[in-house]
PDB file of N, CA and C in Angstrom:
ATOM      1  N   MET A   1      27.834 115.728  51.923  1.00  0.00           N
ATOM      2  CA  MET A   1      27.339 114.464  52.514  1.00  0.00           C
ATOM      3  C   MET A   1      27.873 113.757  53.685  1.00  0.00           C
ATOM      4  N   GLU A   2      27.764 113.107  54.718  1.00  0.00           N
ATOM      5  CA  GLU A   2      28.711 112.455  56.068  1.00  0.00           C
ATOM      6  C   GLU A   2      28.809 110.972  54.720  1.00  0.00           C
ATOM      7  N   LYS A   3      30.073 110.638  55.510  1.00  0.00           N
ATOM      8  CA  LYS A   3      31.172 109.621  55.693  1.00  0.00           C
ATOM      9  C   LYS A   3      30.218 108.105  55.961  1.00  0.00           C
ATOM     10  N   GLY A   4      29.917 107.817  54.294  1.00  0.00           N
ATOM     11  CA  GLY A   4      29.110 106.301  54.582  1.00  0.00           C
ATOM     12  C   GLY A   4      27.973 107.078  53.986  1.00  0.00           C
ATOM     13  N   LYS A   5      27.009 107.188  53.624  1.00  0.00           N
ATOM     14  CA  LYS A   5      25.223 108.347  53.951  1.00  0.00           C
ATOM     15  C   LYS A   5      25.258 108.446  52.204  1.00  0.00           C
ATOM     16  N   LYS A   6      25.170 107.175  50.983  1.00  0.00           N
ATOM     17  CA  LYS A   6      24.840 108.101  49.749  1.00  0.00           C
ATOM     18  C   LYS A   6      23.164 108.343  50.150  1.00  0.00           C
ATOM     19  N   ASN A   7      23.536 109.478  48.766  1.00  0.00           N
ATOM     20  CA  ASN A   7      21.181 110.099  49.016  1.00  0.00           C
ATOM     21  C   ASN A   7      22.798 108.546  47.206  1.00  0.00           C
ATOM     22  N   ASN A   8      20.462 108.549  47.436  1.00  0.00           N
ATOM     23  CA  ASN A   8      20.027 108.011  45.894  1.00  0.00           C
ATOM     24  C   ASN A   8      19.706 108.337  44.346  1.00  0.00           C
ATOM     25  N   LEU A   9      19.186 107.748  43.694  1.00  0.00           N
ATOM     26  CA  LEU A   9      18.688 109.064  42.534  1.00  0.00           C
ATOM     27  C   LEU A   9      17.092 109.973  42.537  1.00  0.00           C
ATOM     28  N   GLN A  10      16.426 109.055  43.281  1.00  0.00           N
ATOM     29  CA  GLN A  10      15.029 109.726  43.967  1.00  0.00           C
ATOM     30  C   GLN A  10      15.383 110.258  44.603  1.00  0.00           C
ATOM     31  N   ASP A  11      16.126 110.234  45.507  1.00  0.00           N
ATOM     32  CA  ASP A  11      15.772 111.798  46.756  1.00  0.00           C
ATOM     33  C   ASP A  11      17.084 113.177  45.903  1.00  0.00           C
ATOM     34  N   THR A  12      17.884 111.884  45.243  1.00  0.00           N
ATOM     35  CA  THR A  12      18.346 113.856  44.653  1.00  0.00           C
ATOM     36  C   THR A  12      17.635 114.597  44.033  1.00  0.00           C
ATOM     37  N   PHE A  13      17.160 113.973  43.427  1.00  0.00           N
ATOM     38  CA  PHE A  13      16.075 114.136  42.235  1.00  0.00           C
ATOM     39  C   PHE A  13      14.537 115.599  42.401  1.00  0.00           C
ATOM     40  N   LEU A  14      14.512 114.414  44.025  1.00  0.00           N
ATOM     41  CA  LEU A  14      13.269 115.722  43.760  1.00  0.00           C
ATOM     42  C   LEU A  14      13.843 116.956  45.257  1.00  0.00           C
ATOM     43  N   ASN A  15      14.824 116.502  45.135  1.00  0.00           N
ATOM     44  CA  ASN A  15      15.508 117.680  46.737  1.00  0.00           C
ATOM     45  C   ASN A  15      16.058 118.754  44.995  1.00  0.00           C
ATOM     46  N   SER A  16      16.849 118.326  43.824  1.00  0.00           N
ATOM     47  CA  SER A  16      16.646 119.568  43.079  1.00  0.00           C
ATOM     48  C   SER A  16      16.075 120.642  42.725  1.00  0.00           C
ATOM     49  N   VAL A  17      14.495 119.052  42.250  1.00  0.00           N
ATOM     50  CA  VAL A  17      13.555 119.927  41.763  1.00  0.00           C
ATOM     51  C   VAL A  17      13.186 121.175  42.248  1.00  0.00           C
ATOM     52  N   ARG A  18      12.718 119.936  44.275  1.00  0.00           N
ATOM     53  CA  ARG A  18      12.214 120.947  44.966  1.00  0.00           C
ATOM     54  C   ARG A  18      12.934 122.820  44.580  1.00  0.00           C
ATOM     55  N   VAL A  19      14.881 122.306  45.357  1.00  0.00           N
ATOM     56  CA  VAL A  19      15.613 123.422  46.198  1.00  0.00           C
ATOM     57  C   VAL A  19      15.274 124.372  44.032  1.00  0.00           C
ATOM     58  N   SER A  20      15.132 124.360  43.304  1.00  0.00           N
ATOM     59  CA  SER A  20      15.454 125.095  41.565  1.00  0.00           C
ATOM     60  C   SER A  20      13.793 125.309  42.074  1.00  0.00           C
ATOM     61  N   LYS A  21      12.867 124.807  43.033  1.00  0.00           N
ATOM     62  CA  LYS A  21      11.206 125.550  42.124  1.00  0.00           C
ATOM     63  C   LYS A  21      10.753 124.998  40.851  1.00  0.00           C
ATOM     64  N   ALA A  22      11.014 123.756  40.370  1.00  0.00           N
ATOM     65  CA  ALA A  22      11.088 123.743  38.924  1.00  0.00           C
ATOM     66  C   ALA A  22       9.701 122.975  38.766  1.00  0.00           C
ATOM     67  N   SER A  23       8.750 123.370  37.749  1.00  0.00           N
ATOM     68  CA  SER A  23       8.016 123.107  37.430  1.00  0.00           C
ATOM     69  C   SER A  23       7.850 121.888  36.525  1.00  0.00           C
ATOM     70  N   LEU A  24       6.983 120.814  37.751  1.00  0.00           N
ATOM     71  CA  LEU A  24       6.869 118.834  36.823  1.00  0.00           C
ATOM     72  C   LEU A  24       5.635 118.252  36.157  1.00  0.00           C
ATOM     73  N   THR A  25       5.819 118.708  35.754  1.00  0.00           N
ATOM     74  CA  THR A  25       4.461 117.134  34.748  1.00  0.00           C
ATOM     75  C   THR A  25       4.285 116.199  36.159  1.00  0.00           C
ATOM     76  N   VAL A  26       3.499 115.023  36.793  1.00  0.00           N
ATOM     77  CA  VAL A  26       3.443 114.096  37.334  1.00  0.00           C
ATOM     78  C   VAL A  26       2.647 113.043  36.614  1.00  0.00           C
ATOM     79  N   PHE A  27       3.120 111.438  36.761  1.00  0.00           N
ATOM     80  CA  PHE A  27       1.878 110.747  35.357  1.00  0.00           C
ATOM     81  C   PHE A  27       1.357 110.095  36.212  1.00  0.00           C
ATOM     82  N   LEU A  28       0.181 109.451  37.143  1.00  0.00           N
ATOM     83  CA  LEU A  28       0.099 108.246  38.190  1.00  0.00           C
ATOM     84  C   LEU A  28      -0.290 107.227  36.874  1.00  0.00           C
ATOM     85  N   VAL A  29      -0.141 106.439  37.877  1.00  0.00           N
ATOM     86  CA  VAL A  29      -0.393 105.437  36.995  1.00  0.00           C
ATOM     87  C   VAL A  29      -2.162 104.767  36.705  1.00  0.00           C
ATOM     88  N   ASN A  30      -2.635 105.252  36.667  1.00  0.00           N
ATOM     89  CA  ASN A  30      -4.014 105.274  37.334  1.00  0.00           C
ATOM     90  C   ASN A  30      -4.923 106.556  35.745  1.00  0.00           C
ATOM     91  N   GLY A  31      -3.398 107.253  35.123  1.00  0.00           N
ATOM     92  CA  GLY A  31      -3.270 108.256  33.712  1.00  0.00           C
ATOM     93  C   GLY A  31      -4.007 109.713  34.095  1.00  0.00           C
ATOM     94  N   VAL A  32      -3.729 109.996  34.949  1.00  0.00           N
ATOM     95  CA  VAL A  32      -3.805 110.893  35.948  1.00  0.00           C
ATOM     96  C   VAL A  32      -2.152 112.307  35.550  1.00  0.00           C
ATOM     97  N   LYS A  33      -2.584 113.064  35.213  1.00  0.00           N
ATOM     98  CA  LYS A  33      -1.709 113.902  34.984  1.00  0.00           C
ATOM     99  C   LYS A  33      -2.012 114.748  36.071  1.00  0.00           C
ATOM    100  N   LEU A  34      -1.106 115.641  36.770  1.00  0.00           N
ATOM    101  CA  LEU A  34      -0.510 115.810  38.181  1.00  0.00           C
ATOM    102  C   LEU A  34       0.977 117.298  37.180  1.00  0.00           C
ATOM    103  N   GLN A  35       0.018 118.295  37.324  1.00  0.00           N
ATOM    104  CA  GLN A  35       1.469 119.601  37.682  1.00  0.00           C
ATOM    105  C   GLN A  35       1.018 120.544  38.627  1.00  0.00           C
ATOM    106  N   GLY A  36       2.752 120.757  38.966  1.00  0.00           N
ATOM    107  CA  GLY A  36       3.451 122.139  39.906  1.00  0.00           C
ATOM    108  C   GLY A  36       4.195 121.585  40.577  1.00  0.00           C
ATOM    109  N   VAL A  37       4.617 122.928  41.691  1.00  0.00           N
ATOM    110  CA  VAL A  37       6.445 122.434  41.948  1.00  0.00           C
ATOM    111  C   VAL A  37       6.069 121.873  43.696  1.00  0.00           C
ATOM    112  N   VAL A  38       6.695 120.652  43.797  1.00  0.00           N
ATOM    113  CA  VAL A  38       7.652 120.485  44.759  1.00  0.00           C
ATOM    114  C   VAL A  38       7.738 121.270  46.145  1.00  0.00           C
ATOM    115  N   THR A  39       7.474 120.922  47.486  1.00  0.00           N
ATOM    116  CA  THR A  39       7.654 121.889  47.954  1.00  0.00           C
ATOM    117  C   THR A  39       8.216 121.086  49.314  1.00  0.00           C
ATOM    118  N   TRP A  40       7.575 119.653  48.956  1.00  0.00           N
ATOM    119  CA  TRP A  40       7.803 119.011  50.367  1.00  0.00           C
ATOM    120  C   TRP A  40       8.056 117.177  49.182  1.00  0.00           C
ATOM    121  N   PHE A  41       9.015 116.834  50.307  1.00  0.00           N
ATOM    122  CA  PHE A  41       8.906 114.760  50.034  1.00  0.00           C
ATOM    123  C   PHE A  41       9.730 114.122  50.990  1.00  0.00           C
ATOM    124  N   ASP A  42       9.365 112.941  50.793  1.00  0.00           N
ATOM    125  CA  ASP A  42       9.804 112.318  51.957  1.00  0.00           C
ATOM    126  C   ASP A  42       9.728 110.588  51.893  1.00  0.00           C
ATOM    127  N   ASN A  43       8.996 109.428  51.935  1.00  0.00           N
ATOM    128  CA  ASN A  43       9.875 108.321  51.459  1.00  0.00           C
ATOM    129  C   ASN A  43       8.791 107.687  50.743  1.00  0.00           C
ATOM    130  N   PHE A  44       7.326 108.176  52.015  1.00  0.00           N
ATOM    131  CA  PHE A  44       5.672 107.616  51.338  1.00  0.00           C
ATOM    132  C   PHE A  44       5.759 109.606  49.741  1.00  0.00           C
ATOM    133  N   CYS A  45       5.650 109.880  50.182  1.00  0.00           N
ATOM    134  CA  CYS A  45       5.059 111.009  49.476  1.00  0.00           C
ATOM    135  C   CYS A  45       5.123 112.700  49.462  1.00  0.00           C
ATOM    136  N   ILE A  46       5.594 112.754  47.678  1.00  0.00           N
ATOM    137  CA  ILE A  46       5.049 114.854  47.324  1.00  0.00           C
ATOM    138  C   ILE A  46       4.448 115.673  47.365  1.00  0.00           C
ATOM    139  N   LEU A  47       4.185 116.507  48.161  1.00  0.00           N
ATOM    140  CA  LEU A  47       3.572 117.666  48.068  1.00  0.00           C
ATOM    141  C   LEU A  47       3.738 118.811  46.513  1.00  0.00           C
ATOM    142  N   LEU A  48       2.989 118.635  46.280  1.00  0.00           N
ATOM    143  CA  LEU A  48       2.377 119.260  44.841  1.00  0.00           C
ATOM    144  C   LEU A  48       1.797 120.255  45.639  1.00  0.00           C
ATOM    145  N   VAL A  49       3.151 121.765  44.771  1.00  0.00           N
ATOM    146  CA  VAL A  49       1.553 123.305  45.024  1.00  0.00           C
ATOM    147  C   VAL A  49       1.811 123.500  43.464  1.00  0.00           C
ATOM    148  N   ARG A  50       0.349 123.723  43.103  1.00  0.00           N
ATOM    149  CA  ARG A  50       0.419 125.023  41.584  1.00  0.00           C
ATOM    150  C   ARG A  50      -0.897 126.145  41.910  1.00  0.00           C
ATOM    151  N   ASP A  51      -1.265 127.324  41.959  1.00  0.00           N
ATOM    152  CA  ASP A  51      -2.425 128.248  42.779  1.00  0.00           C
ATOM    153  C   ASP A  51      -2.773 127.947  43.450  1.00  0.00           C
ATOM    154  N   GLY A  52      -1.687 127.771  44.268  1.00  0.00           N
ATOM    155  CA  GLY A  52      -1.813 127.998  45.715  1.00  0.00           C
ATOM    156  C   GLY A  52      -3.090 127.109  46.395  1.00  0.00           C
ATOM    157  N   GLN A  53      -3.177 126.096  45.667  1.00  0.00           N
ATOM    158  CA  GLN A  53      -3.153 124.073  45.915  1.00  0.00           C
ATOM    159  C   GLN A  53      -2.056 123.698  46.008  1.00  0.00           C
ATOM    160  N   MET A  54      -2.374 122.755  47.333  1.00  0.00           N
ATOM    161  CA  MET A  54      -1.726 121.501  47.660  1.00  0.00           C
ATOM    162  C   MET A  54      -2.518 120.240  47.932  1.00  0.00           C
ATOM    163  N   GLN A  55      -1.215 118.858  47.199  1.00  0.00           N
ATOM    164  CA  GLN A  55      -1.727 117.733  46.422  1.00  0.00           C
ATOM    165  C   GLN A  55      -1.375 117.163  47.108  1.00  0.00           C
ATOM    166  N   MET A  56      -0.885 116.183  47.841  1.00  0.00           N
ATOM    167  CA  MET A  56      -0.424 114.957  48.707  1.00  0.00           C
ATOM    168  C   MET A  56      -0.218 113.637  47.429  1.00  0.00           C
ATOM    169  N   VAL A  57       0.763 114.201  47.548  1.00  0.00           N
ATOM    170  CA  VAL A  57       0.415 111.830  46.680  1.00  0.00           C
ATOM    171  C   VAL A  57       1.510 111.643  47.011  1.00  0.00           C
ATOM    172  N   TYR A  58       0.841 109.851  46.740  1.00  0.00           N
ATOM    173  CA  TYR A  58       1.415 109.175  47.617  1.00  0.00           C
ATOM    174  C   TYR A  58       3.127 108.643  46.423  1.00  0.00           C
ATOM    175  N   LYS A  59       3.648 108.122  46.833  1.00  0.00           N
ATOM    176  CA  LYS A  59       4.771 107.358  45.343  1.00  0.00           C
ATOM    177  C   LYS A  59       4.793 106.488  45.087  1.00  0.00           C
ATOM    178  N   HIS A  60       4.134 106.251  45.616  1.00  0.00           N
ATOM    179  CA  HIS A  60       3.522 103.752  44.448  1.00  0.00           C
ATOM    180  C   HIS A  60       2.364 104.578  43.946  1.00  0.00           C
ATOM    181  N   ALA A  61       1.309 105.460  43.610  1.00  0.00           N
ATOM    182  CA  ALA A  61       1.340 106.382  42.163  1.00  0.00           C
ATOM    183  C   ALA A  61       1.722 106.350  41.641  1.00  0.00           C
ATOM    184  N   ILE A  62       2.567 107.001  41.547  1.00  0.00           N
ATOM    185  CA  ILE A  62       3.549 107.374  40.333  1.00  0.00           C
ATOM    186  C   ILE A  62       4.081 106.630  39.727  1.00  0.00           C
ATOM    187  N   SER A  63       3.559 106.711  38.512  1.00  0.00           N
ATOM    188  CA  SER A  63       4.649 106.128  37.205  1.00  0.00           C
ATOM    189  C   SER A  63       5.741 107.032  36.952  1.00  0.00           C
ATOM    190  N   THR A  64       5.078 108.517  36.365  1.00  0.00           N
ATOM    191  CA  THR A  64       6.598 108.911  35.132  1.00  0.00           C
ATOM    192  C   THR A  64       7.122 110.734  36.252  1.00  0.00           C
ATOM    193  N   ILE A  65       7.966 111.453  36.571  1.00  0.00           N
ATOM    194  CA  ILE A  65       7.822 112.675  36.563  1.00  0.00           C
ATOM    195  C   ILE A  65       8.330 114.004  35.340  1.00  0.00           C
ATOM    196  N   VAL A  66       8.141 114.596  35.239  1.00  0.00           N
ATOM    197  CA  VAL A  66       9.196 114.903  33.783  1.00  0.00           C
ATOM    198  C   VAL A  66       8.585 117.184  34.212  1.00  0.00           C
ATOM    199  N   THR A  67      10.067 117.115  34.270  1.00  0.00           N
ATOM    200  CA  THR A  67      11.046 118.308  34.399  1.00  0.00           C
ATOM    201  C   THR A  67      10.112 119.296  33.418  1.00  0.00           C
ATOM    202  N   SER A  68       9.395 120.610  33.335  1.00  0.00           N
ATOM    203  CA  SER A  68       9.131 121.237  32.561  1.00  0.00           C
ATOM    204  C   SER A  68      10.684 122.022  31.971  1.00  0.00           C
ATOM    205  N   GLU A  69      11.963 121.845  32.579  1.00  0.00           N
ATOM    206  CA  GLU A  69      13.794 122.684  31.915  1.00  0.00           C
ATOM    207  C   GLU A  69      14.509 121.426  32.578  1.00  0.00           C
ATOM    208  N   PRO A  70      15.806 121.250  32.197  1.00  0.00           N
ATOM    209  CA  PRO A  70      16.476 120.677  32.486  1.00  0.00           C
ATOM    210  C   PRO A  70      17.192 120.859  33.878  1.00  0.00           C
ATOM    211  N   VAL A  71      16.805 119.637  35.131  1.00  0.00           N
ATOM    212  CA  VAL A  71      17.522 119.743  36.011  1.00  0.00           C
ATOM    213  C   VAL A  71      19.211 119.689  36.317  1.00  0.00           C
ATOM    214  N   SER A  72      19.656 119.725  37.565  1.00  0.00           N
ATOM    215  CA  SER A  72      21.422 120.255  37.277  1.00  0.00           C
ATOM    216  C   SER A  72      20.940 118.681  38.093  1.00  0.00           C
ATOM    217  N   LEU A  73      22.131 117.413  38.420  1.00  0.00           N
ATOM    218  CA  LEU A  73      21.932 116.733  38.956  1.00  0.00           C
ATOM    219  C   LEU A  73      22.844 116.566  39.559  1.00  0.00           C
ATOM    220  N   ARG A  74      24.404 116.133  41.227  1.00  0.00           N
ATOM    221  CA  ARG A  74      25.208 116.580  41.158  1.00  0.00           C
ATOM    222  C   ARG A  74      25.185 114.763  42.249  1.00  0.00           C
ATOM    223  N   ILE A  75      25.572 114.099  41.554  1.00  0.00           N
ATOM    224  CA  ILE A  75      26.261 112.477  42.373  1.00  0.00           C
ATOM    225  C   ILE A  75      26.529 111.853  42.707  1.00  0.00           C
ATOM    226  N   ASP A  76      27.359 111.752  42.939  1.00  0.00           N
ATOM    227  CA  ASP A  76      28.529 111.476  43.760  1.00  0.00           C
ATOM    228  C   ASP A  76      29.136 110.354  44.446  1.00  0.00           C
ATOM    229  N   GLU A  77      30.171 109.791  43.478  1.00  0.00           N
ATOM    230  CA  GLU A  77      30.111 108.386  43.487  1.00  0.00           C
ATOM    231  C   GLU A  77      31.577 108.044  43.901  1.00  0.00           C
ATOM    232  N   GLU A  78      31.372 106.860  44.472  1.00  0.00           N
ATOM    233  CA  GLU A  78      33.000 106.516  44.982  1.00  0.00           C
ATOM    234  C   GLU A  78      33.823 105.415  44.142  1.00  0.00           C
TER     235      GLU A  78
END
């Protein structure tokens, strides 16, 4: 990581589940439940893939993200 640049928890978590291809359940604020694997994300959206279908989900619509297995996070503290 570049000196002076820190990743936030959200980016660290999303990158970890993206790299590990962990299966997720994403609950939206309206109660809808989505499942899939994160293949891409940015400041505003997450791209979920399940059974070959892609879903772009806006982060402001997400309430909770649950992983199907434990995820290893490495957060550098200074």
